[in-house]
Amino acid sequence: MRIGSRGFTLIEIVVSLAILGIMMTLVTGIFVSAAQKTSAGLAGAAEREQLMASFEQAAATGRVNGEVERQNGQIIIDFDGKKINADGEYLTGVYGENRIIMRYFLANQK
């Protein structure tokens, strides 16, 4: 701005707008990538919830849908040298586009 003038020149305004435009482009890119990561995380959470519901249904009813597989097995837990054995079933499930894999053990009731 020139000394004694009462405003900005056209060049100064255009340069300021160009700088603001570049800064907005950078900030918008950051917000878009953060929003995409958030939506992917929410989708993964929904898939995990769906798989947990499938596990609960398989455990409660004994019926297995396409996402959960049952397999007989045994688990051994070691607590400082004291071993606990349990027979039961492994429930294995794979769900969704993210290929979420969960595995649970259900001990047989004695």
Protein backbone atom coordinates (compact mmCIF):
# COMPACT_ATOMS: atom_id res chain seq x y z
CA MET A 1 0.00 0.00 0.00
CA ARG A 2 1.33 3.35 -0.92
CA ILE A 3 1.92 6.03 1.70
CA GLY A 4 -0.90 8.51 1.75
CA SER A 5 -3.37 6.36 -0.19
CA ARG A 6 -6.70 5.29 1.28
CA GLY A 7 -7.08 1.71 0.04
CA PHE A 8 -5.48 -1.41 -1.33
CA THR A 9 -4.41 -1.79 -4.91
CA LEU A 10 -5.96 -4.45 -7.13
CA ILE A 11 -2.69 -6.43 -7.11
CA GLU A 12 -2.64 -6.55 -3.29
CA ILE A 13 -6.23 -7.80 -3.17
CA VAL A 14 -5.61 -10.48 -5.83
CA VAL A 15 -2.44 -11.72 -4.10
CA SER A 16 -4.25 -11.88 -0.74
CA LEU A 17 -7.12 -13.84 -2.27
CA ALA A 18 -4.68 -16.25 -3.95
CA ILE A 19 -2.90 -16.90 -0.66
CA LEU A 20 -6.23 -17.44 1.12
CA GLY A 21 -7.33 -19.82 -1.66
CA ILE A 22 -4.16 -21.91 -1.32
CA MET A 23 -4.56 -22.06 2.46
CA MET A 24 -8.22 -23.10 2.16
CA THR A 25 -7.29 -25.87 -0.29
CA LEU A 26 -4.75 -27.29 2.16
CA VAL A 27 -7.10 -27.10 5.14
CA THR A 28 -10.01 -28.63 3.18
CA GLY A 29 -7.83 -31.60 2.22
CA ILE A 30 -6.99 -32.21 5.87
CA PHE A 31 -10.66 -32.09 6.91
CA VAL A 32 -11.76 -34.41 4.09
CA SER A 33 -9.15 -37.05 4.98
CA ALA A 34 -10.11 -36.85 8.67
CA ALA A 35 -13.79 -37.27 7.77
CA GLN A 36 -12.99 -40.31 5.61
CA LYS A 37 -10.98 -41.92 8.42
CA THR A 38 -13.82 -41.27 10.86
CA SER A 39 -16.44 -42.79 8.57
CA ALA A 40 -14.22 -45.85 7.98
CA GLY A 41 -13.84 -46.25 11.74
CA LEU A 42 -17.60 -46.00 12.24
CA ALA A 43 -18.17 -48.59 9.52
CA GLY A 44 -15.70 -50.94 11.22
CA ALA A 45 -17.49 -50.43 14.54
CA ALA A 46 -20.83 -51.29 12.93
CA GLU A 47 -19.31 -54.46 11.43
CA ARG A 48 -17.91 -55.48 14.83
CA GLU A 49 -21.33 -54.93 16.42
CA GLN A 50 -22.96 -57.09 13.74
CA LEU A 51 -20.43 -59.85 14.30
CA MET A 52 -20.91 -59.68 18.08
CA ALA A 53 -24.67 -60.08 17.56
CA SER A 54 -23.98 -63.14 15.41
CA PHE A 55 -21.77 -64.59 18.16
CA GLU A 56 -24.44 -64.00 20.78
CA GLN A 57 -27.07 -65.64 18.60
CA ALA A 58 -24.82 -68.65 17.93
CA ALA A 59 -24.00 -69.01 21.63
CA ALA A 60 -27.60 -68.64 22.80
CA THR A 61 -29.45 -70.70 20.21
CA GLY A 62 -26.81 -73.19 19.10
CA ARG A 63 -27.56 -72.25 15.50
CA VAL A 64 -24.80 -70.81 13.37
CA ASN A 65 -25.37 -68.36 10.56
CA GLY A 66 -23.02 -67.89 7.62
CA GLU A 67 -20.68 -65.55 9.46
CA VAL A 68 -19.90 -67.73 12.50
CA GLU A 69 -18.28 -71.17 12.45
CA ARG A 70 -18.23 -73.63 15.36
CA GLN A 71 -15.39 -76.00 16.13
CA ASN A 72 -14.92 -78.31 19.15
CA GLY A 73 -11.75 -77.78 21.10
CA GLN A 74 -9.99 -77.38 24.40
CA ILE A 75 -8.45 -74.41 26.11
CA ILE A 76 -5.71 -74.53 28.74
CA ILE A 77 -5.10 -71.53 31.00
CA ASP A 78 -1.93 -71.37 33.10
CA PHE A 79 -2.02 -69.29 36.29
CA ASP A 80 1.53 -69.36 37.73
CA GLY A 81 1.91 -73.09 37.26
CA LYS A 82 -1.70 -74.02 38.07
CA LYS A 83 -3.38 -75.17 34.85
CA ILE A 84 -7.09 -75.06 34.16
CA ASN A 85 -8.43 -77.17 31.29
CA ALA A 86 -11.83 -76.61 29.70
CA ASP A 87 -13.55 -78.40 26.86
CA GLY A 88 -15.89 -76.45 24.67
CA GLU A 89 -16.38 -74.85 21.31
CA TYR A 90 -14.52 -72.17 19.44
CA LEU A 91 -16.67 -69.65 17.61
CA THR A 92 -14.84 -68.02 14.71
CA GLY A 93 -16.37 -65.25 12.65
CA VAL A 94 -15.31 -63.14 9.71
CA TYR A 95 -17.45 -60.17 8.81
CA GLY A 96 -17.61 -57.21 6.48
CA GLU A 97 -15.45 -55.50 3.92
CA ASN A 98 -12.74 -54.87 6.51
CA ARG A 99 -12.49 -58.65 7.10
CA ILE A 100 -12.94 -58.38 10.86
CA ILE A 101 -12.02 -61.72 12.45
CA MET A 102 -13.10 -62.62 15.98
CA ARG A 103 -12.64 -65.86 17.89
CA TYR A 104 -14.31 -66.84 21.16
CA PHE A 105 -14.30 -69.94 23.33
CA LEU A 106 -17.48 -71.24 24.97
CA ALA A 107 -16.82 -73.76 27.74
CA ASN A 108 -19.15 -76.73 28.05
CA GLN A 109 -21.48 -76.55 31.04
CA LYS A 110 -20.66 -79.15 33.71
